[in-house]
Amino acid sequence: FLMHACAHNPTGVDPTPEQWDQISKLIKERGHFPFFDMAYQGFASGDINRDAYAVRKFVADGHRIALSQSFAKNMGLYAERVGAFSLITESQKEKAAVDSQLRLVIRPMFSNPPINGARIASYVLSDPELYNEWQ
């Protein structure tokens, strides 16, 4: 299932934490795979941690998830294509298998991704003072 983690586009309506708890339980019971799109973290509530509730809840509940996360909007890096794709795996063996497959998919798409936006995001996220200001 593909879900917006927060700031649902186009409605802007997000499940409450209690509703996310129920959604997590149902997806777990039915054996579905959750894929989160988080392009607007910090926009829904004004708090990046609060907007990460769904993702953190699913991980805490033991889901293996996929997360597509963009920093283009919440860091103002629109033309820089800054983001991350994360997968939660069950083991190091599964991680190695997933990594090898992702490399096969990613390599033909781009061999030299833009670096400027990634460096800016890394700098902001790594510096406590800048991180607090961004947050």
Foldseek 3Di string as FASTA:
>chain_A
DEDELALDPPPRDDDDLVVLLVVLVVCVVVVHEYEYEYADQCPNPVHNVNSCSSVVSNVVVPGWYWYWYDCCPLVVVVVQGDTDIDTRDDDPVVVVVVVVVVCVVVCVVDPDGRCPVVVVVCVQCVDVVSVVVSD
